[in-house]
Amino acid sequence: MFKLLTSRLVPRVLLFRKEVVLLWQAFMSPHTPFYLKAATAFVAFYLVSPIDIISDFIPILGWVDDLILVPLMVSWIVARLPVYAPAKAGRGETISGRARRL
C-alpha cells in the first residue's frame, strides 16, 4: 500500500513543483494572456484566503480541499498556456506550456 502510494504521489509532487515554477514564469511574461494571469492570481488568493469551499477551521477537511483543488487548478492553467511564449522580452528564453500535454 505504502509503495503504491509513494510510486504515484512522488512523481505528481515533482510535476507540481515544475508546474508552479512554469506558472510563475508565465505570470511574469508580458505575452501570457490576461485570463491566465487572473486565474493564477485567483489560485494564490484561494490558497491564503480564509474563504474556502470547506473552511480551514475544520481541522483536517479544511486542508484536504486545498491539497486537492490547488494542484487541479494549477494543472488546468498550465495546460492552457501557449505552447511557446517568450519568458522575458529580449532574452531569448521561452516558456513551454507542454508540461501537461505530453
Protein backbone atom coordinates (compact mmCIF):
# COMPACT_ATOMS: atom_id res chain seq x y z
CA MET A 1 0.00 0.00 0.00
CA PHE A 2 2.73 2.45 1.00
CA LYS A 3 4.82 1.61 -2.06
CA LEU A 4 1.81 2.11 -4.35
CA LEU A 5 1.04 5.46 -2.72
CA THR A 6 4.61 6.74 -2.99
CA SER A 7 5.01 5.48 -6.55
CA ARG A 8 2.08 7.66 -7.61
CA LEU A 9 2.49 10.56 -5.19
CA VAL A 10 6.18 11.39 -5.62
CA PRO A 11 6.03 11.90 -9.42
CA ARG A 12 2.91 14.03 -9.01
CA VAL A 13 4.59 16.23 -6.38
CA LEU A 14 7.63 16.67 -8.63
CA LEU A 15 5.40 17.57 -11.57
CA PHE A 16 3.50 20.05 -9.38
CA ARG A 17 6.78 21.76 -8.44
CA LYS A 18 7.66 22.14 -12.13
CA GLU A 19 4.19 23.46 -12.89
CA VAL A 20 4.43 26.08 -10.14
CA VAL A 21 7.76 27.34 -11.49
CA LEU A 22 6.33 27.37 -15.01
CA LEU A 23 3.26 29.23 -13.81
CA TRP A 24 5.41 31.86 -12.09
CA GLN A 25 7.45 32.40 -15.28
CA ALA A 26 4.26 32.66 -17.32
CA PHE A 27 2.77 35.13 -14.84
CA MET A 28 5.79 37.39 -15.19
CA SER A 29 5.77 37.17 -19.00
CA PRO A 30 4.01 40.00 -20.85
CA HIS A 31 2.93 37.53 -23.55
CA THR A 32 0.75 35.39 -21.29
CA PRO A 33 -2.97 36.10 -21.80
CA PHE A 34 -4.65 38.16 -19.10
CA TYR A 35 -7.22 35.50 -18.21
CA LEU A 36 -4.44 33.06 -17.32
CA LYS A 37 -2.73 35.66 -15.15
CA ALA A 38 -6.05 36.35 -13.43
CA ALA A 39 -6.58 32.62 -12.86
CA THR A 40 -3.08 32.37 -11.37
CA ALA A 41 -3.80 35.26 -9.02
CA PHE A 42 -7.09 33.58 -8.05
CA VAL A 43 -5.27 30.34 -7.15
CA ALA A 44 -2.82 32.24 -4.94
CA PHE A 45 -5.68 34.15 -3.33
CA TYR A 46 -7.68 30.94 -2.80
CA LEU A 47 -4.72 29.31 -1.07
CA VAL A 48 -4.30 32.07 1.51
CA SER A 49 -7.93 33.14 1.81
CA PRO A 50 -9.98 32.04 4.81
CA ILE A 51 -12.98 31.70 2.46
CA ASP A 52 -12.81 28.18 1.00
CA ILE A 53 -15.22 25.53 -0.15
CA ILE A 54 -14.52 23.77 3.15
CA SER A 55 -13.32 26.21 5.79
CA ASP A 56 -9.76 25.81 7.10
CA PHE A 57 -11.12 25.96 10.64
CA ILE A 58 -12.36 22.38 10.25
CA PRO A 59 -9.21 20.53 11.34
CA ILE A 60 -8.35 18.11 8.51
CA LEU A 61 -11.04 18.58 5.88
CA GLY A 62 -10.15 22.27 5.51
CA TRP A 63 -6.65 21.38 4.37
CA VAL A 64 -7.67 18.45 2.20
CA ASP A 65 -9.69 20.66 -0.17
CA ASP A 66 -6.63 22.90 -0.59
CA LEU A 67 -4.40 19.88 -1.25
CA ILE A 68 -6.79 18.67 -3.94
CA LEU A 69 -8.13 21.85 -5.55
CA VAL A 70 -4.93 23.91 -5.81
CA PRO A 71 -2.95 21.30 -7.83
CA LEU A 72 -6.00 20.76 -10.04
CA MET A 73 -6.30 24.50 -10.72
CA VAL A 74 -2.55 24.83 -11.36
CA SER A 75 -2.64 21.92 -13.81
CA TRP A 76 -5.66 23.42 -15.57
CA ILE A 77 -3.89 26.77 -16.03
CA VAL A 78 -0.60 25.19 -17.17
CA ALA A 79 -2.48 23.10 -19.75
CA ARG A 80 -3.85 26.31 -21.27
CA LEU A 81 -0.55 28.18 -21.51
CA PRO A 82 0.61 28.96 -25.04
CA VAL A 83 2.94 26.24 -26.30
CA TYR A 84 5.84 28.67 -26.53
CA ALA A 85 5.73 32.14 -25.05
CA PRO A 86 8.76 34.38 -24.56
CA ALA A 87 9.74 34.43 -20.88
CA LYS A 88 11.21 37.93 -20.87
CA ALA A 89 11.48 40.29 -23.78
CA GLY A 90 14.88 40.30 -25.43
CA ARG A 91 16.46 37.43 -23.52
CA GLY A 92 15.56 34.69 -25.96
CA GLU A 93 14.10 32.39 -23.29
CA THR A 94 10.79 30.65 -23.82
CA ILE A 95 8.14 29.21 -21.57
CA SER A 96 6.94 25.83 -22.70
CA GLY A 97 3.32 25.14 -21.86
CA ARG A 98 3.68 21.50 -22.90
CA ALA A 99 4.11 20.21 -19.33
CA ARG A 100 0.60 18.73 -19.27
CA ARG A 101 0.37 17.96 -22.98
CA LEU A 102 2.89 15.11 -23.10
